[in-house]
Amino acid sequence: MRAAIRDTEIYFDIEGAGLVPDGPVMREKPPAFLIHGGPGGEHGGFKPGFSPLAEQMQLVYFDHRGQGRSARGDKQSYTLDNNVEDMEALRRHLGCGPIVSIGTSYGGMVAQAHAARYPEAVSHLVLIVTASHAGFNARARQIVAERGTPEMQRVCAQLWAGELDTEAKLRHYYDVMGPMYSVQYDPAAAAVARQRGILAPDALNMAFAPGGFLQSYDLRPELARITAPTLILAGRHDWICAPEFSEEIHRLIPGSTLRIFEHSSHSIRADEPAAMLAAIAGFVAGRADG
């Protein structure tokens, strides 16, 4: 499905009914927006891993402008601020009240900014393997220099130089970096998932290349404005959004909860999927296991 909002067209998909029979009444499930990372990725990476959450919430997946199945346009419009405003416009377009906002990696950056700028629009905030400022880049460079192979170091240099300018180069980057993204990396499964995915190098380079917006953004001054209950999930072995950045977010969002997954890297959904889903479901339901 597609929504013509602002100056673009956003692709979205919905999993699960919003209104379900529950004994003598019809029960309304909360809408949950799942916000994908990258930039340069798309929502398909959430499927089917997050599908069990549809038992509790109505899941709304969407692709950021210029990515996935959403419309392409002026590359200069591929910014964090526009992604935030697109997300809010989509929420209003769909007629949603306060949403459960679940952002992973770059999607967590969008989710932080959205929850800070539109606090009334978010009932629960879940931030997964993310960071609140550009300092994560320097730390990631340090980690890949310490832990990475020469080929990993080479493709990461291409990332920060803005040289991953074709889908083939971007797919090669993920092939090489897979073992850094996931402790339980399965090359065959990852290859199948990448075949299904749509990659957008322009969106990636607008963020990571020299002068890109992820080289200078800083959401820390905004985080105190977040009023929604917040759950922060980090991977102990994450190389690109190292856990200290989640710890920092936890200090800056009043009343937030932090959980570090000891056997995960950047892809908790691949390394410890059952525990991750249980944490999110418990948090939204208000249970102690969240």
Protein backbone atom coordinates (compact mmCIF):
# COMPACT_ATOMS: atom_id res chain seq x y z
CA MET A 1 0.00 0.00 0.00
CA ARG A 2 1.11 3.54 -0.65
CA ALA A 3 0.48 6.87 1.01
CA ALA A 4 0.96 10.16 -0.85
CA ILE A 5 2.20 12.38 1.98
CA ARG A 6 4.18 15.60 2.08
CA ASP A 7 6.29 15.67 -1.12
CA THR A 8 6.71 11.92 -1.58
CA GLU A 9 5.00 8.54 -1.64
CA ILE A 10 5.64 6.13 1.21
CA TYR A 11 5.16 2.39 0.89
CA PHE A 12 3.64 0.73 3.95
CA ASP A 13 2.31 -2.68 4.90
CA ILE A 14 0.18 -3.83 7.83
CA GLU A 15 0.31 -7.15 9.67
CA GLY A 16 -2.49 -8.22 12.00
CA ALA A 17 -5.98 -6.97 12.66
CA GLY A 18 -6.40 -3.88 14.78
CA LEU A 19 -9.73 -4.99 16.24
CA VAL A 20 -10.13 -8.58 17.44
CA PRO A 21 -12.85 -10.59 19.23
CA ASP A 22 -12.14 -11.07 22.92
CA GLY A 23 -15.01 -12.87 24.63
CA PRO A 24 -18.05 -10.57 24.75
CA VAL A 25 -16.16 -7.52 23.42
CA MET A 26 -14.03 -6.41 20.51
CA ARG A 27 -10.56 -5.51 21.71
CA GLU A 28 -8.43 -2.88 19.98
CA LYS A 29 -4.75 -3.68 19.61
CA PRO A 30 -2.27 -0.78 19.70
CA PRO A 31 -0.65 0.18 16.40
CA ALA A 32 3.11 -0.32 16.30
CA PHE A 33 5.36 1.35 13.73
CA LEU A 34 8.50 -0.64 12.86
CA ILE A 35 11.22 1.71 11.64
CA HIS A 36 13.96 0.17 9.53
CA GLY A 37 17.64 0.96 9.53
CA GLY A 38 20.28 1.76 7.01
CA PRO A 39 19.84 4.25 5.65
CA GLY A 40 19.61 2.39 2.37
CA GLY A 41 17.63 -0.59 3.66
CA GLU A 42 13.93 -1.35 3.75
CA HIS A 43 11.28 -2.85 6.00
CA GLY A 44 11.55 -6.40 4.63
CA GLY A 45 14.29 -7.27 7.10
CA PHE A 46 11.67 -7.24 9.86
CA LYS A 47 9.72 -10.04 8.18
CA PRO A 48 9.03 -12.65 9.45
CA GLY A 49 11.16 -12.08 12.56
CA PHE A 50 8.85 -9.51 14.16
CA SER A 51 5.61 -11.19 13.07
CA PRO A 52 4.93 -12.78 16.51
CA LEU A 53 4.36 -9.26 17.87
CA ALA A 54 1.23 -9.07 15.68
CA GLU A 55 -0.53 -11.18 18.32
CA GLN A 56 -0.30 -8.18 20.64
CA MET A 57 -0.05 -5.19 18.30
CA GLN A 58 -1.09 -4.20 14.80
CA LEU A 59 2.24 -3.89 13.01
CA VAL A 60 2.80 -1.08 10.52
CA TYR A 61 5.90 -1.50 8.36
CA PHE A 62 7.09 1.27 6.03
CA ASP A 63 10.04 2.24 3.87
CA HIS A 64 11.74 5.60 4.27
CA ARG A 65 11.62 7.97 1.30
CA GLY A 66 14.06 7.00 -1.43
CA GLN A 67 14.36 3.47 -0.03
CA GLY A 68 12.71 0.10 -0.51
CA ARG A 69 9.40 0.45 -2.32
CA SER A 70 8.90 4.10 -1.46
CA ALA A 71 9.29 6.78 -4.13
CA ARG A 72 12.70 8.02 -5.19
CA GLY A 73 13.27 11.76 -5.46
CA ASP A 74 15.79 14.51 -4.87
CA LYS A 75 18.68 12.94 -2.95
CA GLN A 76 19.03 16.12 -0.92
CA SER A 77 15.66 15.32 0.66
CA TYR A 78 16.96 12.03 2.12
CA THR A 79 17.52 13.36 5.64
CA LEU A 80 16.79 12.38 9.21
CA ASP A 81 14.46 15.34 9.63
CA ASN A 82 12.42 14.37 6.58
CA ASN A 83 12.24 10.76 7.74
CA VAL A 84 10.83 11.98 11.06
CA GLU A 85 8.25 14.22 9.39
CA ASP A 86 7.29 11.46 6.93
CA MET A 87 6.72 9.06 9.81
CA GLU A 88 4.48 11.54 11.63
CA ALA A 89 2.59 12.31 8.40
CA LEU A 90 2.04 8.58 7.85
CA ARG A 91 0.73 8.18 11.40
CA ARG A 92 -1.79 10.92 10.78
CA HIS A 93 -2.64 9.62 7.30
CA LEU A 94 -3.54 6.25 8.83
CA GLY A 95 -5.61 7.88 11.55
CA CYS A 96 -3.55 6.39 14.36
CA GLY A 97 -3.55 7.72 17.89
CA PRO A 98 -0.42 7.24 20.00
CA ILE A 99 1.74 4.47 18.57
CA VAL A 100 4.22 1.93 19.84
CA SER A 101 7.40 3.11 18.09
CA ILE A 102 10.01 0.41 17.45
CA GLY A 103 13.20 1.63 15.77
CA THR A 104 16.28 -0.41 14.95
CA SER A 105 19.73 1.10 14.26
CA TYR A 106 19.14 4.14 12.02
CA GLY A 107 15.43 3.54 12.60
CA GLY A 108 16.13 4.06 16.30
CA MET A 109 17.60 7.47 15.49
CA VAL A 110 14.41 8.38 13.63
CA ALA A 111 12.33 7.00 16.51
CA GLN A 112 14.23 9.08 19.10
CA ALA A 113 13.76 12.29 17.16
CA HIS A 114 10.09 11.56 16.44
CA ALA A 115 9.31 10.77 20.10
CA ALA A 116 11.08 13.96 21.21
CA ARG A 117 9.39 16.21 18.66
CA TYR A 118 5.94 14.58 18.85
CA PRO A 119 5.73 13.22 22.40
CA GLU A 120 1.94 12.99 22.29
CA ALA A 121 2.16 10.67 19.28
CA VAL A 122 4.06 7.86 21.06
CA SER A 123 2.67 5.55 23.75
CA HIS A 124 5.75 3.31 24.04
CA LEU A 125 9.23 3.72 22.58
CA VAL A 126 11.56 0.79 21.82
CA LEU A 127 15.11 1.66 20.71
CA ILE A 128 17.16 -1.26 19.39
CA VAL A 129 20.94 -1.05 18.76
CA THR A 130 21.09 2.66 18.07
CA ALA A 131 22.90 5.89 18.99
CA SER A 132 21.90 9.48 19.64
CA HIS A 133 24.81 11.32 18.00
CA ALA A 134 27.50 11.11 15.34
CA GLY A 135 30.14 9.86 17.76
CA PHE A 136 29.18 6.30 16.93
CA ASN A 137 31.13 6.62 13.67
CA ALA A 138 34.52 7.16 15.29
CA ARG A 139 33.90 4.34 17.76
CA ALA A 140 32.88 1.99 14.93
CA ARG A 141 36.06 2.83 13.03
CA GLN A 142 38.06 1.96 16.13
CA ILE A 143 36.25 -1.35 16.65
CA VAL A 144 36.58 -2.49 13.04
CA ALA A 145 40.29 -1.62 13.17
CA GLU A 146 40.63 -3.81 16.27
CA ARG A 147 38.38 -6.73 15.33
CA GLY A 148 37.96 -6.63 11.57
CA THR A 149 39.81 -8.42 8.82
CA PRO A 150 41.68 -6.37 6.20
CA GLU A 151 38.74 -6.81 3.82
CA MET A 152 36.31 -5.62 6.49
CA GLN A 153 38.47 -2.57 7.06
CA ARG A 154 38.55 -1.91 3.32
CA VAL A 155 34.77 -2.00 2.80
CA CYS A 156 34.20 0.11 5.90
CA ALA A 157 36.59 2.70 4.49
CA GLN A 158 34.38 2.69 1.39
CA LEU A 159 31.31 3.23 3.57
CA TRP A 160 32.74 6.37 5.19
CA ALA A 161 34.21 7.61 1.91
CA GLY A 162 30.83 7.47 0.15
CA GLU A 163 32.10 4.87 -2.31
CA LEU A 164 29.35 2.25 -1.87
CA ASP A 165 27.55 3.78 -4.82
CA THR A 166 26.02 0.72 -6.48
CA GLU A 167 23.78 -2.07 -5.22
CA ALA A 168 26.51 -4.59 -6.07
CA LYS A 169 29.05 -2.78 -3.89
CA LEU A 170 26.55 -2.46 -1.07
CA ARG A 171 25.67 -6.16 -1.23
CA HIS A 172 29.38 -7.00 -1.13
CA TYR A 173 29.77 -4.77 1.93
CA TYR A 174 27.05 -6.73 3.77
CA ASP A 175 28.54 -10.05 2.61
CA VAL A 176 31.91 -9.09 4.08
CA MET A 177 30.58 -7.46 7.25
CA GLY A 178 27.98 -10.11 8.08
CA PRO A 179 30.07 -11.77 10.84
CA MET A 180 30.48 -8.37 12.52
CA TYR A 181 26.76 -7.63 12.42
CA SER A 182 25.71 -10.99 13.91
CA VAL A 183 27.37 -13.37 16.36
CA GLN A 184 25.24 -16.18 14.91
CA TYR A 185 25.90 -15.18 11.30
CA ASP A 186 24.52 -17.67 8.78
CA PRO A 187 25.92 -16.85 5.31
CA ALA A 188 23.31 -18.92 3.44
CA ALA A 189 20.34 -17.39 5.27
CA ALA A 190 21.82 -13.91 4.93
CA ALA A 191 22.30 -14.39 1.18
CA VAL A 192 18.63 -15.34 0.74
CA ALA A 193 17.49 -12.35 2.79
CA ARG A 194 19.66 -10.01 0.72
CA GLN A 195 18.20 -11.40 -2.51
CA ARG A 196 14.76 -10.39 -1.24
CA GLY A 197 15.89 -6.93 -0.18
CA ILE A 198 16.02 -3.66 -2.09
CA LEU A 199 19.11 -1.56 -1.39
CA ALA A 200 19.39 2.19 -1.95
CA PRO A 201 23.00 3.42 -2.13
CA ASP A 202 21.98 7.07 -2.57
CA ALA A 203 20.23 7.11 0.81
CA LEU A 204 23.20 5.42 2.46
CA ASN A 205 25.71 7.89 1.05
CA MET A 206 23.61 10.93 1.96
CA ALA A 207 24.04 9.75 5.54
CA PHE A 208 27.56 8.29 5.79
CA ALA A 209 29.67 9.96 3.11
CA PRO A 210 31.85 12.96 4.03
CA GLY A 211 29.46 15.76 4.93
CA GLY A 212 26.59 13.30 5.31
CA PHE A 213 23.98 14.04 7.95
CA LEU A 214 24.99 11.13 10.20
CA GLN A 215 28.45 12.65 10.42
CA SER A 216 27.15 15.61 12.42
CA TYR A 217 23.70 14.87 13.91
CA ASP A 218 23.16 15.15 17.67
CA LEU A 219 19.83 14.27 19.29
CA ARG A 220 21.08 14.44 22.87
CA PRO A 221 19.65 17.91 23.60
CA GLU A 222 16.19 16.64 22.58
CA LEU A 223 15.98 13.39 24.53
CA ALA A 224 14.68 14.92 27.77
CA ARG A 225 11.50 15.84 25.86
CA ILE A 226 10.57 12.18 25.43
CA THR A 227 7.66 11.32 27.70
CA ALA A 228 6.79 7.79 26.50
CA PRO A 229 7.97 4.80 28.53
CA THR A 230 11.18 3.77 26.79
CA LEU A 231 12.92 0.40 26.42
CA ILE A 232 16.50 0.41 25.09
CA LEU A 233 18.01 -2.83 23.76
CA ALA A 234 21.72 -3.17 22.98
CA GLY A 235 24.03 -5.95 21.81
CA ARG A 236 27.15 -6.47 23.89
CA HIS A 237 29.28 -7.15 20.79
CA ASP A 238 27.76 -4.49 18.52
CA TRP A 239 30.47 -2.91 16.41
CA ILE A 240 28.61 -0.02 14.75
CA CYS A 241 26.32 1.16 17.58
CA ALA A 242 28.40 -0.03 20.50
CA PRO A 243 26.51 -0.56 23.79
CA GLU A 244 27.95 2.54 25.43
CA PHE A 245 25.72 4.59 23.11
CA SER A 246 22.64 2.80 24.45
CA GLU A 247 23.88 3.39 27.98
CA GLU A 248 24.16 7.08 27.16
CA ILE A 249 20.60 7.19 25.78
CA HIS A 250 19.40 5.45 28.95
CA ARG A 251 20.97 8.23 31.06
CA LEU A 252 19.35 10.93 28.95
CA ILE A 253 15.77 9.62 28.68
CA PRO A 254 14.08 9.94 32.06
CA GLY A 255 12.75 6.68 33.47
CA SER A 256 13.99 4.55 30.58
CA THR A 257 14.88 0.87 30.86
CA LEU A 258 18.09 -0.59 29.40
CA ARG A 259 18.77 -4.21 28.56
CA ILE A 260 22.04 -5.42 27.06
CA PHE A 261 21.96 -8.77 25.25
CA GLU A 262 25.19 -10.50 26.15
CA HIS A 263 25.26 -12.87 23.16
CA SER A 264 24.36 -10.40 20.43
CA SER A 265 26.00 -7.98 18.06
CA HIS A 266 24.12 -5.40 15.99
CA SER A 267 21.49 -7.90 14.89
CA ILE A 268 19.79 -9.00 18.10
CA ARG A 269 16.93 -10.29 15.98
CA ALA A 270 19.32 -12.84 14.48
CA ASP A 271 21.38 -13.59 17.59
CA GLU A 272 18.76 -13.74 20.37
CA PRO A 273 15.38 -13.42 18.64
CA ALA A 274 13.14 -15.07 21.22
CA ALA A 275 14.57 -13.04 24.09
CA MET A 276 14.26 -9.82 22.09
CA LEU A 277 10.60 -10.44 21.21
CA ALA A 278 9.80 -11.39 24.81
CA ALA A 279 11.41 -8.18 26.05
CA ILE A 280 9.41 -6.01 23.64
CA ALA A 281 6.12 -7.81 24.26
CA GLY A 282 6.58 -7.70 28.02
CA PHE A 283 7.47 -4.02 27.95
CA VAL A 284 4.41 -3.03 25.92
CA ALA A 285 2.17 -5.19 28.11
CA GLY A 286 3.67 -3.67 31.26
CA ARG A 287 5.10 -6.96 32.50
CA ALA A 288 8.33 -7.36 34.42
CA ASP A 289 9.89 -9.46 31.64
CA GLY A 290 9.98 -6.31 29.49
